[in-house]
Amino acid sequence: MADIATLMLADHRRIQRLEASLRKAGQRGGTGPSRTLRSTWPHLAAIIQEHLRSAETICWPAISRTGPRGQAQVRQMKAAATQIRAAIATAQAQPLGSPGWWRAARHVLMSCADHLDEEQRALLTHFGQYGDLPLRDQLGRQWLTSRNHRNLAAAGPARPSAPSPSD
Protein backbone atom coordinates (compact mmCIF):
# COMPACT_ATOMS: atom_id res chain seq x y z
CA MET A 1 0.00 0.00 0.00
CA ALA A 2 1.24 3.50 -0.87
CA ASP A 3 -0.19 5.26 2.19
CA ILE A 4 -0.19 9.03 1.70
CA ALA A 5 0.36 9.61 5.43
CA THR A 6 3.49 7.43 5.40
CA LEU A 7 4.83 9.16 2.29
CA MET A 8 4.25 12.63 3.72
CA LEU A 9 5.93 11.69 7.00
CA ALA A 10 8.92 10.37 5.04
CA ASP A 11 9.15 13.75 3.27
CA HIS A 12 8.96 15.51 6.63
CA ARG A 13 11.84 13.44 8.00
CA ARG A 14 13.94 14.14 4.88
CA ILE A 15 13.26 17.88 5.18
CA GLN A 16 14.06 17.85 8.91
CA ARG A 17 17.39 16.06 8.33
CA LEU A 18 18.40 18.64 5.72
CA GLU A 19 17.28 21.49 7.99
CA ALA A 20 19.46 20.08 10.79
CA SER A 21 22.41 19.87 8.40
CA LEU A 22 21.85 23.48 7.33
CA ARG A 23 21.67 24.68 10.94
CA LYS A 24 24.85 22.77 11.78
CA ALA A 25 26.63 24.39 8.82
CA GLY A 26 25.53 27.80 10.13
CA GLN A 27 26.88 27.11 13.60
CA ARG A 28 30.36 26.41 12.27
CA GLY A 29 30.75 30.03 11.29
CA GLY A 30 33.54 31.08 8.98
CA THR A 31 33.43 33.34 5.98
CA GLY A 32 31.57 32.45 2.84
CA PRO A 33 29.46 29.40 2.17
CA SER A 34 30.78 26.01 3.22
CA ARG A 35 30.68 22.97 0.99
CA THR A 36 27.87 21.60 3.18
CA LEU A 37 25.90 24.81 2.75
CA ARG A 38 26.40 24.80 -1.03
CA SER A 39 25.16 21.24 -1.31
CA THR A 40 22.42 21.30 1.35
CA TRP A 41 20.55 24.51 0.57
CA PRO A 42 19.61 23.81 -3.08
CA HIS A 43 18.55 20.28 -2.18
CA LEU A 44 16.48 21.45 0.80
CA ALA A 45 14.78 24.24 -1.16
CA ALA A 46 13.92 21.81 -3.99
CA ILE A 47 12.49 19.18 -1.65
CA ILE A 48 10.39 21.74 0.23
CA GLN A 49 8.99 23.12 -3.01
CA GLU A 50 8.29 19.64 -4.38
CA HIS A 51 6.54 18.70 -1.15
CA LEU A 52 4.37 21.81 -1.35
CA ARG A 53 3.52 21.16 -5.03
CA SER A 54 2.56 17.56 -4.32
CA ALA A 55 0.47 18.50 -1.29
CA GLU A 56 -1.32 21.24 -3.29
CA THR A 57 -2.20 19.09 -6.25
CA ILE A 58 -2.91 15.77 -4.53
CA CYS A 59 -3.79 16.19 -0.87
CA TRP A 60 -5.44 19.58 -0.56
CA PRO A 61 -8.24 18.90 -3.07
CA ALA A 62 -9.16 15.72 -1.19
CA ILE A 63 -9.19 17.59 2.11
CA SER A 64 -11.26 20.44 0.68
CA ARG A 65 -13.94 17.98 -0.39
CA THR A 66 -14.51 16.90 3.23
CA GLY A 67 -16.37 20.09 4.10
CA PRO A 68 -15.90 23.47 5.80
CA ARG A 69 -13.28 22.26 8.29
CA GLY A 70 -11.18 20.76 5.51
CA GLN A 71 -11.57 23.91 3.41
CA ALA A 72 -10.36 26.04 6.34
CA GLN A 73 -7.33 23.78 6.78
CA VAL A 74 -6.48 24.10 3.10
CA ARG A 75 -6.73 27.91 3.25
CA GLN A 76 -4.27 27.92 6.17
CA MET A 77 -1.87 25.64 4.35
CA LYS A 78 -2.05 27.70 1.16
CA ALA A 79 -1.13 30.81 3.14
CA ALA A 80 1.78 28.98 4.78
CA ALA A 81 2.98 27.62 1.42
CA THR A 82 2.93 31.12 -0.07
CA GLN A 83 4.99 32.40 2.87
CA ILE A 84 7.51 29.55 2.55
CA ARG A 85 7.91 30.08 -1.21
CA ALA A 86 8.44 33.81 -0.71
CA ALA A 87 11.11 33.15 1.92
CA ILE A 88 12.86 30.66 -0.40
CA ALA A 89 12.81 33.22 -3.23
CA THR A 90 14.23 35.88 -0.89
CA ALA A 91 17.02 33.53 0.21
CA GLN A 92 17.84 32.58 -3.37
CA ALA A 93 18.16 36.26 -4.29
CA GLN A 94 20.93 36.71 -1.70
CA PRO A 95 24.53 35.53 -1.89
CA LEU A 96 24.69 32.10 -0.26
CA GLY A 97 25.90 32.34 3.34
CA SER A 98 25.57 36.14 3.53
CA PRO A 99 23.78 37.75 6.50
CA GLY A 100 20.77 38.49 4.26
CA TRP A 101 20.70 34.92 3.07
CA TRP A 102 20.83 33.59 6.65
CA ARG A 103 17.94 35.86 7.69
CA ALA A 104 15.83 34.53 4.82
CA ALA A 105 16.98 30.93 5.37
CA ARG A 106 16.03 31.12 9.07
CA HIS A 107 12.61 32.37 7.99
CA VAL A 108 12.31 29.40 5.61
CA LEU A 109 13.30 27.00 8.39
CA MET A 110 10.85 28.48 10.91
CA SER A 111 7.97 28.72 8.45
CA CYS A 112 8.58 25.22 7.14
CA ALA A 113 8.82 23.74 10.65
CA ASP A 114 5.52 25.38 11.58
CA HIS A 115 3.92 24.12 8.35
CA LEU A 116 5.16 20.56 8.85
CA ASP A 117 3.92 20.55 12.44
CA GLU A 118 0.50 21.77 11.29
CA GLU A 119 0.47 19.25 8.48
CA GLN A 120 1.24 16.42 10.89
CA ARG A 121 -1.38 17.56 13.39
CA ALA A 122 -4.12 18.48 10.95
CA LEU A 123 -3.61 16.77 7.62
CA LEU A 124 -2.25 13.46 8.72
CA THR A 125 -4.78 13.26 11.54
CA HIS A 126 -7.44 14.23 9.02
CA PHE A 127 -6.46 11.41 6.68
CA GLY A 128 -6.38 9.04 9.62
CA GLN A 129 -9.86 10.03 10.76
CA TYR A 130 -11.64 10.58 7.45
CA GLY A 131 -9.44 9.02 4.81
CA ASP A 132 -10.35 5.42 4.39
CA LEU A 133 -7.56 3.09 3.41
CA PRO A 134 -8.44 2.97 -0.31
CA LEU A 135 -8.39 6.79 -0.44
CA ARG A 136 -5.06 6.94 1.39
CA ASP A 137 -3.66 4.37 -1.03
CA GLN A 138 -5.05 6.22 -4.08
CA LEU A 139 -3.55 9.53 -2.90
CA GLY A 140 -0.26 7.80 -2.13
CA ARG A 141 -0.11 6.32 -5.62
CA GLN A 142 -0.83 9.76 -7.13
CA TRP A 143 1.94 11.21 -4.93
CA LEU A 144 4.45 8.64 -6.16
CA THR A 145 3.38 8.99 -9.81
CA SER A 146 3.65 12.78 -9.61
CA ARG A 147 7.12 12.56 -8.11
CA ASN A 148 8.28 10.06 -10.72
CA HIS A 149 7.01 12.24 -13.60
CA ARG A 150 8.70 15.33 -12.17
CA ASN A 151 11.95 13.46 -11.59
CA LEU A 152 11.95 12.24 -15.19
CA ALA A 153 11.17 15.74 -16.48
CA ALA A 154 13.98 17.20 -14.38
CA ALA A 155 16.40 14.66 -15.82
CA GLY A 156 15.70 15.97 -19.30
CA PRO A 157 15.01 14.15 -22.53
CA ALA A 158 16.51 10.73 -23.03
CA ARG A 159 19.56 10.81 -25.24
CA PRO A 160 19.63 8.38 -28.13
CA SER A 161 22.25 5.75 -27.71
CA ALA A 162 25.03 5.49 -30.21
CA PRO A 163 24.34 2.98 -32.97
CA SER A 164 25.94 -0.35 -32.39
CA PRO A 165 28.59 -1.57 -34.85
CA SER A 166 26.13 -4.15 -36.19
CA ASP A 167 23.60 -1.43 -37.24
C-alpha atoms as a PDB file:
ATOM      1  CA  MET A   1       0.000   0.000   0.000  1.00  0.00           C
ATOM      2  CA  ALA A   2       1.240   3.497  -0.871  1.00  0.00           C
ATOM      3  CA  ASP A   3      -0.190   5.261   2.186  1.00  0.00           C
ATOM      4  CA  ILE A   4      -0.195   9.028   1.705  1.00  0.00           C
ATOM      5  CA  ALA A   5       0.357   9.611   5.427  1.00  0.00           C
ATOM      6  CA  THR A   6       3.487   7.434   5.402  1.00  0.00           C
ATOM      7  CA  LEU A   7       4.835   9.163   2.285  1.00  0.00           C
ATOM      8  CA  MET A   8       4.247  12.628   3.724  1.00  0.00           C
ATOM      9  CA  LEU A   9       5.935  11.693   7.004  1.00  0.00           C
ATOM     10  CA  ALA A  10       8.923  10.366   5.042  1.00  0.00           C
ATOM     11  CA  ASP A  11       9.146  13.751   3.270  1.00  0.00           C
ATOM     12  CA  HIS A  12       8.964  15.515   6.630  1.00  0.00           C
ATOM     13  CA  ARG A  13      11.844  13.435   7.996  1.00  0.00           C
ATOM     14  CA  ARG A  14      13.938  14.142   4.877  1.00  0.00           C
ATOM     15  CA  ILE A  15      13.260  17.876   5.176  1.00  0.00           C
ATOM     16  CA  GLN A  16      14.056  17.855   8.908  1.00  0.00           C
ATOM     17  CA  ARG A  17      17.388  16.060   8.327  1.00  0.00           C
ATOM     18  CA  LEU A  18      18.398  18.644   5.717  1.00  0.00           C
ATOM     19  CA  GLU A  19      17.276  21.488   7.995  1.00  0.00           C
ATOM     20  CA  ALA A  20      19.462  20.081  10.786  1.00  0.00           C
ATOM     21  CA  SER A  21      22.409  19.875   8.399  1.00  0.00           C
ATOM     22  CA  LEU A  22      21.852  23.482   7.328  1.00  0.00           C
ATOM     23  CA  ARG A  23      21.667  24.680  10.938  1.00  0.00           C
ATOM     24  CA  LYS A  24      24.846  22.774  11.779  1.00  0.00           C
ATOM     25  CA  ALA A  25      26.628  24.389   8.822  1.00  0.00           C
ATOM     26  CA  GLY A  26      25.534  27.796  10.132  1.00  0.00           C
ATOM     27  CA  GLN A  27      26.877  27.106  13.602  1.00  0.00           C
ATOM     28  CA  ARG A  28      30.355  26.409  12.267  1.00  0.00           C
ATOM     29  CA  GLY A  29      30.750  30.033  11.289  1.00  0.00           C
ATOM     30  CA  GLY A  30      33.542  31.085   8.981  1.00  0.00           C
ATOM     31  CA  THR A  31      33.435  33.340   5.978  1.00  0.00           C
ATOM     32  CA  GLY A  32      31.567  32.447   2.837  1.00  0.00           C
ATOM     33  CA  PRO A  33      29.456  29.404   2.173  1.00  0.00           C
ATOM     34  CA  SER A  34      30.780  26.009   3.224  1.00  0.00           C
ATOM     35  CA  ARG A  35      30.678  22.969   0.990  1.00  0.00           C
ATOM     36  CA  THR A  36      27.866  21.603   3.176  1.00  0.00           C
ATOM     37  CA  LEU A  37      25.897  24.806   2.753  1.00  0.00           C
ATOM     38  CA  ARG A  38      26.403  24.802  -1.029  1.00  0.00           C
ATOM     39  CA  SER A  39      25.157  21.235  -1.312  1.00  0.00           C
ATOM     40  CA  THR A  40      22.424  21.300   1.354  1.00  0.00           C
ATOM     41  CA  TRP A  41      20.549  24.514   0.566  1.00  0.00           C
ATOM     42  CA  PRO A  42      19.609  23.812  -3.082  1.00  0.00           C
ATOM     43  CA  HIS A  43      18.553  20.279  -2.180  1.00  0.00           C
ATOM     44  CA  LEU A  44      16.484  21.446   0.797  1.00  0.00           C
ATOM     45  CA  ALA A  45      14.784  24.237  -1.164  1.00  0.00           C
ATOM     46  CA  ALA A  46      13.916  21.811  -3.992  1.00  0.00           C
ATOM     47  CA  ILE A  47      12.493  19.176  -1.647  1.00  0.00           C
ATOM     48  CA  ILE A  48      10.393  21.737   0.228  1.00  0.00           C
ATOM     49  CA  GLN A  49       8.989  23.123  -3.009  1.00  0.00           C
ATOM     50  CA  GLU A  50       8.291  19.638  -4.383  1.00  0.00           C
ATOM     51  CA  HIS A  51       6.543  18.696  -1.150  1.00  0.00           C
ATOM     52  CA  LEU A  52       4.374  21.808  -1.346  1.00  0.00           C
ATOM     53  CA  ARG A  53       3.519  21.161  -5.027  1.00  0.00           C
ATOM     54  CA  SER A  54       2.556  17.562  -4.325  1.00  0.00           C
ATOM     55  CA  ALA A  55       0.466  18.502  -1.291  1.00  0.00           C
ATOM     56  CA  GLU A  56      -1.317  21.240  -3.287  1.00  0.00           C
ATOM     57  CA  THR A  57      -2.201  19.085  -6.251  1.00  0.00           C
ATOM     58  CA  ILE A  58      -2.905  15.771  -4.532  1.00  0.00           C
ATOM     59  CA  CYS A  59      -3.788  16.192  -0.866  1.00  0.00           C
ATOM     60  CA  TRP A  60      -5.438  19.576  -0.560  1.00  0.00           C
ATOM     61  CA  PRO A  61      -8.242  18.901  -3.072  1.00  0.00           C
ATOM     62  CA  ALA A  62      -9.156  15.719  -1.191  1.00  0.00           C
ATOM     63  CA  ILE A  63      -9.191  17.589   2.105  1.00  0.00           C
ATOM     64  CA  SER A  64     -11.263  20.442   0.679  1.00  0.00           C
ATOM     65  CA  ARG A  65     -13.940  17.976  -0.391  1.00  0.00           C
ATOM     66  CA  THR A  66     -14.509  16.902   3.233  1.00  0.00           C
ATOM     67  CA  GLY A  67     -16.370  20.095   4.100  1.00  0.00           C
ATOM     68  CA  PRO A  68     -15.898  23.465   5.803  1.00  0.00           C
ATOM     69  CA  ARG A  69     -13.277  22.264   8.292  1.00  0.00           C
ATOM     70  CA  GLY A  70     -11.176  20.764   5.512  1.00  0.00           C
ATOM     71  CA  GLN A  71     -11.573  23.912   3.409  1.00  0.00           C
ATOM     72  CA  ALA A  72     -10.361  26.041   6.336  1.00  0.00           C
ATOM     73  CA  GLN A  73      -7.329  23.781   6.783  1.00  0.00           C
ATOM     74  CA  VAL A  74      -6.483  24.102   3.097  1.00  0.00           C
ATOM     75  CA  ARG A  75      -6.728  27.908   3.249  1.00  0.00           C
ATOM     76  CA  GLN A  76      -4.265  27.923   6.165  1.00  0.00           C
ATOM     77  CA  MET A  77      -1.869  25.638   4.353  1.00  0.00           C
ATOM     78  CA  LYS A  78      -2.047  27.697   1.156  1.00  0.00           C
ATOM     79  CA  ALA A  79      -1.130  30.808   3.138  1.00  0.00           C
ATOM     80  CA  ALA A  80       1.784  28.981   4.776  1.00  0.00           C
ATOM     81  CA  ALA A  81       2.977  27.622   1.421  1.00  0.00           C
ATOM     82  CA  THR A  82       2.931  31.123  -0.067  1.00  0.00           C
ATOM     83  CA  GLN A  83       4.991  32.400   2.870  1.00  0.00           C
ATOM     84  CA  ILE A  84       7.508  29.552   2.548  1.00  0.00           C
ATOM     85  CA  ARG A  85       7.909  30.079  -1.206  1.00  0.00           C
ATOM     86  CA  ALA A  86       8.436  33.806  -0.713  1.00  0.00           C
ATOM     87  CA  ALA A  87      11.106  33.150   1.915  1.00  0.00           C
ATOM     88  CA  ILE A  88      12.859  30.659  -0.400  1.00  0.00           C
ATOM     89  CA  ALA A  89      12.811  33.221  -3.230  1.00  0.00           C
ATOM     90  CA  THR A  90      14.229  35.878  -0.890  1.00  0.00           C
ATOM     91  CA  ALA A  91      17.020  33.535   0.211  1.00  0.00           C
ATOM     92  CA  GLN A  92      17.836  32.580  -3.368  1.00  0.00           C
ATOM     93  CA  ALA A  93      18.158  36.257  -4.294  1.00  0.00           C
ATOM     94  CA  GLN A  94      20.930  36.709  -1.701  1.00  0.00           C
ATOM     95  CA  PRO A  95      24.528  35.534  -1.886  1.00  0.00           C
ATOM     96  CA  LEU A  96      24.688  32.100  -0.264  1.00  0.00           C
ATOM     97  CA  GLY A  97      25.901  32.339   3.335  1.00  0.00           C
ATOM     98  CA  SER A  98      25.575  36.141   3.532  1.00  0.00           C
ATOM     99  CA  PRO A  99      23.777  37.747   6.503  1.00  0.00           C
ATOM    100  CA  GLY A 100      20.766  38.492   4.262  1.00  0.00           C
ATOM    101  CA  TRP A 101      20.702  34.923   3.072  1.00  0.00           C
ATOM    102  CA  TRP A 102      20.835  33.591   6.650  1.00  0.00           C
ATOM    103  CA  ARG A 103      17.942  35.862   7.686  1.00  0.00           C
ATOM    104  CA  ALA A 104      15.832  34.530   4.818  1.00  0.00           C
ATOM    105  CA  ALA A 105      16.979  30.930   5.374  1.00  0.00           C
ATOM    106  CA  ARG A 106      16.034  31.124   9.069  1.00  0.00           C
ATOM    107  CA  HIS A 107      12.610  32.374   7.991  1.00  0.00           C
ATOM    108  CA  VAL A 108      12.306  29.398   5.610  1.00  0.00           C
ATOM    109  CA  LEU A 109      13.296  27.003   8.389  1.00  0.00           C
ATOM    110  CA  MET A 110      10.852  28.484  10.911  1.00  0.00           C
ATOM    111  CA  SER A 111       7.968  28.716   8.445  1.00  0.00           C
ATOM    112  CA  CYS A 112       8.575  25.221   7.141  1.00  0.00           C
ATOM    113  CA  ALA A 113       8.822  23.744  10.647  1.00  0.00           C
ATOM    114  CA  ASP A 114       5.516  25.378  11.578  1.00  0.00           C
ATOM    115  CA  HIS A 115       3.916  24.122   8.352  1.00  0.00           C
ATOM    116  CA  LEU A 116       5.161  20.556   8.847  1.00  0.00           C
ATOM    117  CA  ASP A 117       3.918  20.552  12.445  1.00  0.00           C
ATOM    118  CA  GLU A 118       0.500  21.773  11.289  1.00  0.00           C
ATOM    119  CA  GLU A 119       0.469  19.245   8.484  1.00  0.00           C
ATOM    120  CA  GLN A 120       1.237  16.421  10.886  1.00  0.00           C
ATOM    121  CA  ARG A 121      -1.381  17.562  13.387  1.00  0.00           C
ATOM    122  CA  ALA A 122      -4.125  18.481  10.947  1.00  0.00           C
ATOM    123  CA  LEU A 123      -3.607  16.769   7.620  1.00  0.00           C
ATOM    124  CA  LEU A 124      -2.254  13.457   8.724  1.00  0.00           C
ATOM    125  CA  THR A 125      -4.783  13.257  11.541  1.00  0.00           C
ATOM    126  CA  HIS A 126      -7.442  14.226   9.016  1.00  0.00           C
ATOM    127  CA  PHE A 127      -6.459  11.407   6.680  1.00  0.00           C
ATOM    128  CA  GLY A 128      -6.381   9.039   9.621  1.00  0.00           C
ATOM    129  CA  GLN A 129      -9.861  10.027  10.756  1.00  0.00           C
ATOM    130  CA  TYR A 130     -11.635  10.579   7.450  1.00  0.00           C
ATOM    131  CA  GLY A 131      -9.438   9.020   4.808  1.00  0.00           C
ATOM    132  CA  ASP A 132     -10.353   5.418   4.392  1.00  0.00           C
ATOM    133  CA  LEU A 133      -7.555   3.088   3.405  1.00  0.00           C
ATOM    134  CA  PRO A 134      -8.439   2.966  -0.305  1.00  0.00           C
ATOM    135  CA  LEU A 135      -8.389   6.794  -0.441  1.00  0.00           C
ATOM    136  CA  ARG A 136      -5.057   6.936   1.390  1.00  0.00           C
ATOM    137  CA  ASP A 137      -3.659   4.365  -1.035  1.00  0.00           C
ATOM    138  CA  GLN A 138      -5.046   6.216  -4.076  1.00  0.00           C
ATOM    139  CA  LEU A 139      -3.553   9.529  -2.904  1.00  0.00           C
ATOM    140  CA  GLY A 140      -0.257   7.797  -2.132  1.00  0.00           C
ATOM    141  CA  ARG A 141      -0.106   6.325  -5.624  1.00  0.00           C
ATOM    142  CA  GLN A 142      -0.831   9.756  -7.130  1.00  0.00           C
ATOM    143  CA  TRP A 143       1.943  11.214  -4.934  1.00  0.00           C
ATOM    144  CA  LEU A 144       4.451   8.640  -6.160  1.00  0.00           C
ATOM    145  CA  THR A 145       3.380   8.988  -9.811  1.00  0.00           C
ATOM    146  CA  SER A 146       3.646  12.781  -9.610  1.00  0.00           C
ATOM    147  CA  ARG A 147       7.118  12.558  -8.112  1.00  0.00           C
ATOM    148  CA  ASN A 148       8.285  10.058 -10.719  1.00  0.00           C
ATOM    149  CA  HIS A 149       7.013  12.235 -13.598  1.00  0.00           C
ATOM    150  CA  ARG A 150       8.701  15.330 -12.168  1.00  0.00           C
ATOM    151  CA  ASN A 151      11.953  13.463 -11.588  1.00  0.00           C
ATOM    152  CA  LEU A 152      11.949  12.244 -15.191  1.00  0.00           C
ATOM    153  CA  ALA A 153      11.165  15.741 -16.476  1.00  0.00           C
ATOM    154  CA  ALA A 154      13.982  17.204 -14.382  1.00  0.00           C
ATOM    155  CA  ALA A 155      16.398  14.655 -15.816  1.00  0.00           C
ATOM    156  CA  GLY A 156      15.699  15.974 -19.300  1.00  0.00           C
ATOM    157  CA  PRO A 157      15.010  14.146 -22.527  1.00  0.00           C
ATOM    158  CA  ALA A 158      16.511  10.734 -23.034  1.00  0.00           C
ATOM    159  CA  ARG A 159      19.564  10.809 -25.243  1.00  0.00           C
ATOM    160  CA  PRO A 160      19.625   8.384 -28.127  1.00  0.00           C
ATOM    161  CA  SER A 161      22.251   5.753 -27.707  1.00  0.00           C
ATOM    162  CA  ALA A 162      25.031   5.487 -30.206  1.00  0.00           C
ATOM    163  CA  PRO A 163      24.343   2.979 -32.975  1.00  0.00           C
ATOM    164  CA  SER A 164      25.936  -0.352 -32.385  1.00  0.00           C
ATOM    165  CA  PRO A 165      28.586  -1.570 -34.845  1.00  0.00           C
ATOM    166  CA  SER A 166      26.134  -4.149 -36.194  1.00  0.00           C
ATOM    167  CA  ASP A 167      23.600  -1.433 -37.237  1.00  0.00           C
END
